[in-house]
Amino acid sequence: MSSWLVALVGRPNVGKSTLFNRIIGQRGAIVDDMPGVTRDRNYADSEWAGKQFTVVDTGGFVPASDDVFEAAIREQAQIAIEEANLVLFIVDGQTGLHPLDAEIAEILRRAQKKVVLLVNKIDSEGREPMLAEFFTLGLGDPISASALVGRKIGDLLDLVTKGAGAAEEEETDTRLKLAVVGKPNVGKSSFVNALLQEDRHIVTEIPGTTRDSIDAILKYHGEEILLVDTAGLRRRGKIKESIEFYSALRTLKSIERCDVAIILLDAQSGLENQDLRIIQTVMEKRKPALLAVNKWDLIEKDEQTAKAYEKALLGKLRLYDFLPVIFISALTKQRILKVVELAKSIDAEQQKRISTSQLNEALGKDILLFPPRSKSGKELKIKYITQVKTKPPVFAFFCSDPRSIEDSYRRYLENKIREHFVFKGVPLVLSFKEK
């Protein structure tokens, strides 16, 4: 997935949220005629013409206001501008040029970001002359569109996603990239510091100390490994501060560009709903992962404790019970290097390619033993299996009626692939095609 970030910026009530909803194809932001409805930031992944990007909806930007809400919104918008690859500056074609537009334009010029000036609410060709007065903002040629009716949105997306492909092409770094993720105060920075053998990252007992994602280079047996320490992921409903919001956004970007995610859990609190949401986020991004249970030194234990803890943990994971578990202590440095070894082995697993003959020979027997059932009563046959991709591994099953394959049977086939070929810690993609 591309990390191309597009921020929607403009004064209140120019149609930012309407445009956001139009781009993502659903009502992701509340839209109302009252200014200031959008306070908490909203972001979503979207795709246009094969290019993936993230769009961020910001609140109405009022540069010099002393209002508490407007000041908070302004802070969030400024962070969005700083983070963005491209800023889509939206003005209102119906009401015309406003003094606030000129103030925002000056802020954007100082930010030295790539800016596209969009004159919104131009819902017909007869209103195109309304663009003329916006040339005075000095941000290049304004373009017109109507978020409400969808006019010229395709042309707009062609323009804003121009650099999205180029952003992916820049990913030439072949070093193994490990993202360290987890809920706040689980010990991520302590873990990274223990690996680096230096206090590279600030560590305190206050949750949420790490506000940004910071890359560090780990020298491991002559190999350079990139460690990405990330801010603690909270549930979206609890992300109230602007800095926390963008910390979460940066964490998601870190997950997207990593090769393997190291998900830290707190041994004392066990697997909580917050942890499950983080695991699900990593799996939705199709990233391999391992579970490192930190603070293991604080647990009273005997010879059976680790085995019982792991069994209970995997029982709660259900669909994700293929994730390996390792017990560590960042404080005492217990097994921290084994985490790196495990991550390296998982990275090798996701690059593994199984030959077509091996797949058909192994899975063919399983399918004969337990054939798929069809709801329609028609015979359903899987005729041919091949692996079409690695990182993540994608397996194509050619069959007589792909739409009739039930989820339970998909899980059966995935389990059989793992039974024969392992793929430890690696999410698999099963695709069913008509033969």
Protein backbone atom coordinates (compact mmCIF):
# COMPACT_ATOMS: atom_id res chain seq x y z
CA MET A 1 0.00 0.00 0.00
CA SER A 2 1.19 3.48 -0.85
CA SER A 3 1.96 5.95 1.93
CA TRP A 4 0.87 8.89 -0.27
CA LEU A 5 -1.04 11.23 2.04
CA VAL A 6 -3.48 13.88 0.79
CA ALA A 7 -4.74 16.45 3.34
CA LEU A 8 -7.98 18.37 2.72
CA VAL A 9 -7.58 21.90 4.08
CA GLY A 10 -9.79 25.00 3.96
CA ARG A 11 -11.86 27.45 5.99
CA PRO A 12 -15.13 26.22 7.54
CA ASN A 13 -18.02 25.08 5.37
CA VAL A 14 -16.29 24.93 1.98
CA GLY A 15 -17.22 21.25 1.48
CA LYS A 16 -14.16 19.37 2.76
CA SER A 17 -16.13 16.57 4.39
CA THR A 18 -18.43 16.23 1.37
CA LEU A 19 -15.36 15.82 -0.81
CA PHE A 20 -13.85 13.35 1.68
CA ASN A 21 -17.01 11.22 1.49
CA ARG A 22 -17.02 11.47 -2.31
CA ILE A 23 -13.39 10.29 -2.54
CA ILE A 24 -13.75 7.30 -0.21
CA GLY A 25 -17.17 6.37 -1.63
CA GLN A 26 -19.07 6.35 1.66
CA ARG A 27 -20.27 8.61 4.45
CA GLY A 28 -17.11 8.58 6.53
CA ALA A 29 -17.42 12.17 7.74
CA ILE A 30 -20.40 14.02 9.20
CA VAL A 31 -21.63 16.69 6.80
CA ASP A 32 -23.67 19.66 8.00
CA ASP A 33 -24.19 23.27 6.94
CA MET A 34 -23.07 24.46 10.38
CA PRO A 35 -19.37 25.44 10.37
CA GLY A 36 -17.04 23.46 12.59
CA VAL A 37 -18.84 20.11 12.48
CA THR A 38 -15.59 18.29 11.72
CA ARG A 39 -13.45 18.51 14.85
CA ASP A 40 -11.79 15.12 15.29
CA ARG A 41 -9.73 14.24 12.26
CA ASN A 42 -10.92 11.61 9.87
CA TYR A 43 -8.75 9.55 7.57
CA ALA A 44 -9.28 6.66 5.19
CA ASP A 45 -7.47 4.65 2.56
CA SER A 46 -8.72 5.04 -0.99
CA GLU A 47 -7.79 3.95 -4.49
CA TRP A 48 -7.97 5.60 -7.88
CA ALA A 49 -6.86 4.12 -11.22
CA GLY A 50 -4.82 1.45 -9.46
CA LYS A 51 -3.08 3.93 -7.14
CA GLN A 52 -3.62 3.75 -3.40
CA PHE A 53 -3.48 6.76 -1.12
CA THR A 54 -4.65 8.03 2.27
CA VAL A 55 -6.94 11.04 2.47
CA VAL A 56 -7.25 13.13 5.66
CA ASP A 57 -10.25 15.35 6.34
CA THR A 58 -9.41 18.33 8.56
CA GLY A 59 -11.69 20.77 10.35
CA GLY A 60 -12.42 24.32 9.23
CA PHE A 61 -9.17 26.30 9.42
CA VAL A 62 -9.47 29.72 11.12
CA PRO A 63 -5.90 31.11 11.37
CA ALA A 64 -6.20 33.86 14.00
CA SER A 65 -9.15 32.73 16.14
CA ASP A 66 -8.92 32.59 19.96
CA ASP A 67 -11.84 30.15 20.15
CA VAL A 68 -10.75 26.97 21.97
CA PHE A 69 -12.29 24.60 19.42
CA GLU A 70 -11.04 26.58 16.43
CA ALA A 71 -7.54 26.70 17.92
CA ALA A 72 -7.53 22.91 18.38
CA ILE A 73 -8.81 22.39 14.84
CA ARG A 74 -6.15 24.76 13.53
CA GLU A 75 -3.44 22.78 15.32
CA GLN A 76 -4.68 19.52 13.80
CA ALA A 77 -4.85 21.04 10.32
CA GLN A 78 -1.30 22.35 10.65
CA ILE A 79 -0.06 18.88 11.60
CA ALA A 80 -1.94 17.47 8.60
CA ILE A 81 -0.16 19.96 6.33
CA GLU A 82 3.19 18.97 7.83
CA GLU A 83 2.53 15.24 7.32
CA ALA A 84 0.99 15.45 3.84
CA ASN A 85 2.64 14.66 0.53
CA LEU A 86 0.06 16.91 -1.11
CA VAL A 87 -2.35 19.51 0.29
CA LEU A 88 -5.72 19.95 -1.41
CA PHE A 89 -6.70 23.53 -0.54
CA ILE A 90 -10.47 23.88 -0.93
CA VAL A 91 -12.27 27.18 -1.45
CA ASP A 92 -15.95 27.96 -2.04
CA GLY A 93 -16.83 28.97 -5.62
CA GLN A 94 -20.34 30.06 -4.65
CA THR A 95 -19.42 32.56 -1.93
CA GLY A 96 -16.23 33.68 -3.68
CA LEU A 97 -12.84 34.71 -2.33
CA HIS A 98 -12.81 35.18 1.45
CA PRO A 99 -10.15 36.96 3.58
CA LEU A 100 -9.53 33.67 5.43
CA ASP A 101 -8.64 32.02 2.10
CA ALA A 102 -5.79 34.49 1.64
CA GLU A 103 -4.49 33.86 5.19
CA ILE A 104 -4.53 30.07 4.65
CA ALA A 105 -2.81 30.49 1.27
CA GLU A 106 0.01 32.38 2.97
CA ILE A 107 0.41 29.58 5.55
CA LEU A 108 0.55 26.99 2.76
CA ARG A 109 3.18 28.98 0.86
CA ARG A 110 5.36 29.07 3.98
CA ALA A 111 4.90 25.31 4.45
CA GLN A 112 6.51 24.75 1.02
CA LYS A 113 4.23 21.79 0.27
CA LYS A 114 2.80 20.74 -3.06
CA VAL A 115 -0.65 22.40 -3.14
CA VAL A 116 -3.61 21.87 -5.45
CA LEU A 117 -6.14 24.74 -5.28
CA LEU A 118 -9.68 23.40 -5.70
CA VAL A 119 -12.64 25.72 -6.24
CA ASN A 120 -15.54 23.60 -4.95
CA LYS A 121 -19.28 23.91 -5.65
CA ILE A 122 -18.78 24.60 -9.38
CA ASP A 123 -21.55 22.25 -10.47
CA SER A 124 -21.92 23.38 -14.08
CA GLU A 125 -19.82 24.76 -16.93
CA GLY A 126 -21.65 28.06 -16.68
CA ARG A 127 -20.03 28.69 -13.29
CA GLU A 128 -16.46 28.20 -14.51
CA PRO A 129 -15.82 31.99 -14.70
CA MET A 130 -16.03 32.02 -10.88
CA LEU A 131 -12.49 30.59 -10.82
CA ALA A 132 -10.94 33.86 -12.02
CA GLU A 133 -10.74 35.68 -8.65
CA PHE A 134 -8.87 32.77 -7.00
CA PHE A 135 -5.79 33.29 -9.22
CA THR A 136 -4.88 36.11 -6.80
CA LEU A 137 -4.08 33.54 -4.08
CA GLY A 138 -0.82 32.84 -5.89
CA LEU A 139 -1.04 29.03 -5.64
CA GLY A 140 -1.07 28.28 -9.35
CA ASP A 141 -4.04 27.63 -11.61
CA PRO A 142 -7.19 26.79 -9.63
CA ILE A 143 -9.21 23.78 -10.75
CA SER A 144 -12.96 23.38 -10.42
CA ALA A 145 -15.17 20.54 -9.20
CA SER A 146 -18.36 19.85 -7.28
CA ALA A 147 -18.04 17.39 -4.43
CA LEU A 148 -21.81 17.34 -3.97
CA VAL A 149 -22.75 16.26 -7.49
CA GLY A 150 -19.44 14.60 -8.39
CA ARG A 151 -18.55 16.90 -11.27
CA LYS A 152 -14.89 16.62 -12.41
CA ILE A 153 -13.92 14.50 -9.38
CA GLY A 154 -12.16 12.04 -11.70
CA ASP A 155 -9.97 14.82 -13.13
CA LEU A 156 -9.19 15.96 -9.59
CA LEU A 157 -8.13 12.46 -8.47
CA ASP A 158 -5.94 12.06 -11.55
CA LEU A 159 -4.11 15.18 -10.41
CA VAL A 160 -3.76 14.43 -6.68
CA THR A 161 -2.60 10.82 -7.20
CA LYS A 162 0.09 11.67 -9.75
CA GLY A 163 2.82 11.16 -7.18
CA ALA A 164 1.31 8.10 -5.50
CA GLY A 165 3.02 5.65 -7.85
CA ALA A 166 6.32 7.50 -7.55
CA ALA A 167 6.14 7.21 -3.74
CA GLU A 168 6.11 3.42 -4.00
CA GLU A 169 8.97 3.40 -6.49
CA GLU A 170 11.14 5.20 -3.95
CA GLU A 171 11.03 2.12 -1.69
CA THR A 172 14.44 0.79 -2.78
CA ASP A 173 15.76 0.03 0.71
CA THR A 174 16.33 -3.74 0.81
CA ARG A 175 17.10 -3.88 4.54
CA LEU A 176 14.73 -5.88 6.73
CA LYS A 177 12.23 -3.45 8.28
CA LEU A 178 10.67 -4.33 11.63
CA ALA A 179 7.82 -2.22 13.05
CA VAL A 180 7.46 -2.39 16.83
CA VAL A 181 3.76 -1.88 17.61
CA GLY A 182 1.44 -2.21 20.56
CA LYS A 183 -0.83 -0.34 22.89
CA PRO A 184 0.59 2.58 24.94
CA ASN A 185 3.02 1.81 27.76
CA VAL A 186 3.62 -1.80 26.77
CA GLY A 187 7.38 -1.20 26.59
CA LYS A 188 8.05 -0.56 22.90
CA SER A 189 10.72 2.10 23.42
CA SER A 190 12.35 0.06 26.20
CA PHE A 191 12.50 -2.91 23.83
CA VAL A 192 14.10 -0.86 21.05
CA ASN A 193 16.59 0.70 23.48
CA ALA A 194 17.52 -2.76 24.78
CA LEU A 195 18.22 -3.95 21.25
CA LEU A 196 20.24 -0.85 20.38
CA GLN A 197 22.00 -0.88 23.76
CA GLU A 198 21.49 2.86 24.08
CA ASP A 199 18.80 5.28 25.22
CA ARG A 200 17.87 6.25 21.69
CA HIS A 201 14.19 6.72 22.60
CA ILE A 202 12.60 8.48 25.55
CA VAL A 203 11.25 5.99 28.09
CA THR A 204 8.94 6.98 30.95
CA GLU A 205 6.16 5.34 32.93
CA ILE A 206 3.67 7.81 31.47
CA PRO A 207 1.61 6.19 28.65
CA GLY A 208 1.98 7.81 25.26
CA THR A 209 5.50 9.26 25.61
CA THR A 210 6.43 8.38 22.04
CA ARG A 211 4.59 10.83 19.77
CA ASP A 212 6.28 9.99 16.48
CA SER A 213 7.68 7.00 14.61
CA ILE A 214 11.47 6.99 14.73
CA ASP A 215 13.66 4.73 12.61
CA ALA A 216 16.79 3.23 14.12
CA ILE A 217 19.44 0.95 12.61
CA LEU A 218 20.25 -2.29 14.40
CA LYS A 219 23.56 -3.97 13.54
CA TYR A 220 22.88 -7.70 13.72
CA HIS A 221 25.68 -10.13 12.77
CA GLY A 222 26.98 -7.73 10.13
CA GLU A 223 23.47 -7.04 8.77
CA GLU A 224 21.62 -3.73 9.04
CA ILE A 225 18.03 -4.03 10.23
CA LEU A 226 15.69 -1.03 10.34
CA LEU A 227 13.68 -0.75 13.56
CA VAL A 228 10.62 1.46 13.56
CA ASP A 229 9.49 2.36 17.07
CA THR A 230 5.92 3.59 16.90
CA ALA A 231 3.52 5.50 19.10
CA GLY A 232 1.06 3.33 21.04
CA LEU A 233 -2.07 2.53 19.08
CA ARG A 234 -5.28 3.43 20.89
CA ARG A 235 -8.86 2.79 19.92
CA ARG A 236 -10.02 5.50 17.50
CA GLY A 237 -12.73 6.71 19.86
CA LYS A 238 -10.07 7.50 22.46
CA ILE A 239 -7.84 9.51 20.15
CA LYS A 240 -8.78 13.04 21.19
CA GLU A 241 -5.57 15.02 21.05
CA SER A 242 -4.40 16.12 17.63
CA ILE A 243 -0.90 14.81 18.30
CA GLU A 244 -2.31 11.41 19.34
CA PHE A 245 -4.38 11.27 16.17
CA TYR A 246 -1.38 11.78 13.94
CA SER A 247 0.72 9.41 16.06
CA ALA A 248 -1.82 6.72 15.19
CA LEU A 249 -1.68 7.74 11.53
CA ARG A 250 2.13 7.51 11.52
CA THR A 251 1.92 4.10 13.21
CA LEU A 252 -0.34 2.84 10.43
CA LYS A 253 2.14 4.15 7.85
CA SER A 254 4.94 2.35 9.70
CA ILE A 255 2.99 -0.92 9.56
CA GLU A 256 2.44 -0.43 5.82
CA ARG A 257 6.16 -0.12 5.05
CA CYS A 258 7.47 -2.82 7.39
CA ASP A 259 8.40 -6.38 6.42
CA VAL A 260 7.45 -7.90 9.79
CA ALA A 261 5.50 -6.41 12.71
CA ILE A 262 6.64 -7.14 16.26
CA ILE A 263 3.46 -6.83 18.33
CA LEU A 264 4.26 -6.27 22.01
CA LEU A 265 1.83 -7.51 24.67
CA ASP A 266 1.90 -6.85 28.42
CA ALA A 267 2.40 -10.13 30.30
CA GLN A 268 0.55 -8.80 33.35
CA SER A 269 -2.59 -7.55 31.60
CA GLY A 270 -2.72 -10.37 29.02
CA LEU A 271 -4.50 -10.14 25.67
CA GLU A 272 -7.03 -7.30 25.80
CA ASN A 273 -9.50 -6.05 23.19
CA GLN A 274 -7.11 -3.23 22.37
CA ASP A 275 -4.39 -5.79 21.56
CA LEU A 276 -6.78 -7.75 19.36
CA ARG A 277 -7.63 -4.60 17.40
CA ILE A 278 -3.92 -3.94 16.83
CA ILE A 279 -3.39 -7.52 15.65
CA GLN A 280 -6.37 -7.20 13.33
CA THR A 281 -4.97 -3.93 11.90
CA VAL A 282 -1.65 -5.63 11.13
CA MET A 283 -3.41 -8.62 9.53
CA GLU A 284 -5.65 -6.34 7.43
CA LYS A 285 -2.46 -4.78 6.06
CA ARG A 286 -1.33 -8.34 5.14
CA LYS A 287 1.82 -8.00 7.23
CA PRO A 288 3.55 -10.98 8.89
CA ALA A 289 3.85 -10.67 12.64
CA LEU A 290 4.96 -12.21 15.90
CA LEU A 291 3.67 -11.69 19.43
CA ALA A 292 6.31 -10.70 21.99
CA VAL A 293 4.93 -10.95 25.52
CA ASN A 294 6.91 -8.30 27.39
CA LYS A 295 7.49 -7.86 31.16
CA TRP A 296 7.78 -11.63 31.55
CA ASP A 297 10.18 -11.01 34.45
CA LEU A 298 7.23 -9.72 36.52
CA ILE A 299 5.28 -12.99 36.27
CA GLU A 300 5.50 -15.67 38.95
CA LYS A 301 6.08 -18.87 37.03
CA ASP A 302 7.07 -22.50 36.97
CA GLU A 303 7.98 -24.87 34.14
CA GLN A 304 4.39 -24.99 32.83
CA THR A 305 3.55 -21.27 32.99
CA ALA A 306 4.78 -20.28 29.51
CA LYS A 307 3.09 -23.26 27.83
CA ALA A 308 -0.24 -22.60 29.58
CA TYR A 309 -0.03 -18.85 28.84
CA GLU A 310 0.67 -19.48 25.13
CA LYS A 311 -2.19 -22.01 24.86
CA ALA A 312 -4.65 -19.54 26.40
CA LEU A 313 -3.34 -16.75 24.17
CA LEU A 314 -3.68 -18.74 20.94
CA GLY A 315 -7.16 -19.83 22.02
CA LYS A 316 -8.25 -16.18 22.13
CA LEU A 317 -6.60 -15.36 18.78
CA ARG A 318 -8.71 -17.89 16.83
CA LEU A 319 -8.21 -16.88 13.17
CA TYR A 320 -4.74 -15.56 13.98
CA ASP A 321 -3.48 -18.56 15.93
CA PHE A 322 -0.68 -18.99 13.36
CA LEU A 323 1.21 -16.09 14.96
CA PRO A 324 4.27 -17.29 16.93
CA VAL A 325 4.59 -16.26 20.58
CA ILE A 326 7.81 -15.42 22.44
CA PHE A 327 8.20 -14.33 26.08
CA ILE A 328 10.62 -11.47 26.70
CA SER A 329 11.71 -8.79 29.12
CA ALA A 330 12.95 -5.49 27.72
CA LEU A 331 14.14 -4.60 31.22
CA THR A 332 16.37 -7.66 31.74
CA LYS A 333 16.97 -8.14 27.97
CA GLN A 334 15.69 -11.70 28.25
CA ARG A 335 15.29 -13.28 24.77
CA ILE A 336 15.23 -9.91 22.96
CA LEU A 337 17.70 -11.11 20.30
CA LYS A 338 15.57 -14.22 19.75
CA VAL A 339 12.80 -11.82 18.67
CA VAL A 340 15.04 -10.60 15.84
CA GLU A 341 15.91 -14.18 14.86
CA LEU A 342 12.21 -15.08 14.83
CA ALA A 343 11.35 -11.99 12.75
CA LYS A 344 14.03 -12.93 10.21
CA SER A 345 12.65 -16.47 9.91
CA ILE A 346 9.12 -15.08 9.42
CA ASP A 347 10.39 -12.77 6.66
CA ALA A 348 11.92 -15.81 4.94
CA GLU A 349 8.57 -17.63 5.25
CA GLN A 350 6.65 -14.88 3.46
CA GLN A 351 9.07 -15.05 0.53
CA LYS A 352 8.67 -18.81 0.18
CA ARG A 353 7.22 -20.11 -3.09
CA ILE A 354 5.59 -23.55 -3.31
CA SER A 355 5.70 -25.29 -6.68
CA THR A 356 2.41 -25.99 -8.45
CA SER A 357 3.07 -29.74 -8.45
CA GLN A 358 3.66 -29.75 -4.67
CA LEU A 359 0.48 -27.77 -4.03
CA ASN A 360 -1.72 -29.96 -6.18
CA GLU A 361 -0.27 -33.18 -4.86
CA ALA A 362 -0.63 -32.21 -1.17
CA LEU A 363 -3.93 -30.32 -1.27
CA GLY A 364 -5.48 -32.58 -3.90
CA LYS A 365 -5.64 -35.38 -1.31
CA ASP A 366 -7.20 -33.07 1.27
CA ILE A 367 -9.83 -31.88 -1.19
CA LEU A 368 -10.70 -35.47 -2.15
CA LEU A 369 -11.01 -36.37 1.51
CA PHE A 370 -13.21 -33.35 2.28
CA PRO A 371 -14.66 -31.84 -0.94
CA PRO A 372 -16.37 -28.42 -0.98
CA ARG A 373 -20.14 -28.30 -0.64
CA SER A 374 -22.36 -26.20 -2.87
CA LYS A 375 -25.47 -24.45 -1.56
CA SER A 376 -27.10 -24.82 -4.99
CA GLY A 377 -26.69 -28.60 -5.03
CA LYS A 378 -24.48 -28.45 -8.13
CA GLU A 379 -21.20 -30.32 -8.08
CA LEU A 380 -18.38 -28.00 -7.01
CA LYS A 381 -14.89 -28.98 -8.11
CA ILE A 382 -11.48 -27.44 -7.44
CA LYS A 383 -9.43 -28.40 -10.47
CA TYR A 384 -6.10 -26.65 -10.12
CA ILE A 385 -4.04 -24.75 -7.50
CA THR A 386 -1.04 -22.46 -7.96
CA GLN A 387 0.85 -19.84 -5.97
CA VAL A 388 0.81 -16.55 -7.88
CA LYS A 389 2.62 -14.19 -5.49
CA THR A 390 4.84 -13.82 -2.42
CA LYS A 391 4.92 -11.05 0.26
CA PRO A 392 2.14 -11.85 1.03
CA PRO A 393 1.72 -15.37 -0.39
CA VAL A 394 -1.30 -15.56 -2.71
CA PHE A 395 -2.76 -18.90 -3.80
CA ALA A 396 -5.18 -19.19 -6.73
CA PHE A 397 -7.74 -22.02 -6.70
CA PHE A 398 -9.36 -22.63 -10.09
CA CYS A 399 -12.80 -24.13 -9.64
CA SER A 400 -16.19 -24.63 -11.29
CA ASP A 401 -18.09 -22.06 -9.18
CA PRO A 402 -15.90 -19.65 -7.13
CA ARG A 403 -18.86 -17.84 -5.60
CA SER A 404 -20.08 -21.02 -3.90
CA ILE A 405 -16.93 -21.52 -1.82
CA GLU A 406 -17.93 -20.97 1.81
CA ASP A 407 -15.80 -19.15 4.38
CA SER A 408 -15.49 -22.30 6.49
CA TYR A 409 -14.02 -24.15 3.50
CA ARG A 410 -11.59 -21.30 2.81
CA ARG A 411 -10.35 -21.68 6.39
CA TYR A 412 -10.06 -25.44 5.91
CA LEU A 413 -7.86 -24.95 2.85
CA GLU A 414 -5.74 -22.29 4.59
CA ASN A 415 -5.21 -24.62 7.54
CA LYS A 416 -4.16 -27.41 5.16
CA ILE A 417 -1.65 -25.11 3.41
CA ARG A 418 -0.14 -24.29 6.81
CA GLU A 419 -0.19 -27.95 7.80
CA HIS A 420 1.85 -28.90 4.73
CA PHE A 421 4.01 -25.79 4.20
CA VAL A 422 3.95 -23.93 7.58
CA PHE A 423 4.08 -20.16 6.68
CA LYS A 424 4.68 -19.33 10.36
CA GLY A 425 3.42 -15.85 11.26
CA VAL A 426 2.43 -15.05 7.68
CA PRO A 427 -1.13 -14.09 6.56
CA LEU A 428 -2.20 -16.00 3.44
CA VAL A 429 -4.47 -14.82 0.63
CA LEU A 430 -6.69 -17.40 -1.07
CA SER A 431 -8.21 -16.41 -4.39
CA PHE A 432 -10.89 -18.49 -6.15
CA LYS A 433 -11.22 -18.21 -9.91
CA GLU A 434 -13.43 -19.85 -12.48
CA LYS A 435 -11.80 -22.54 -14.63
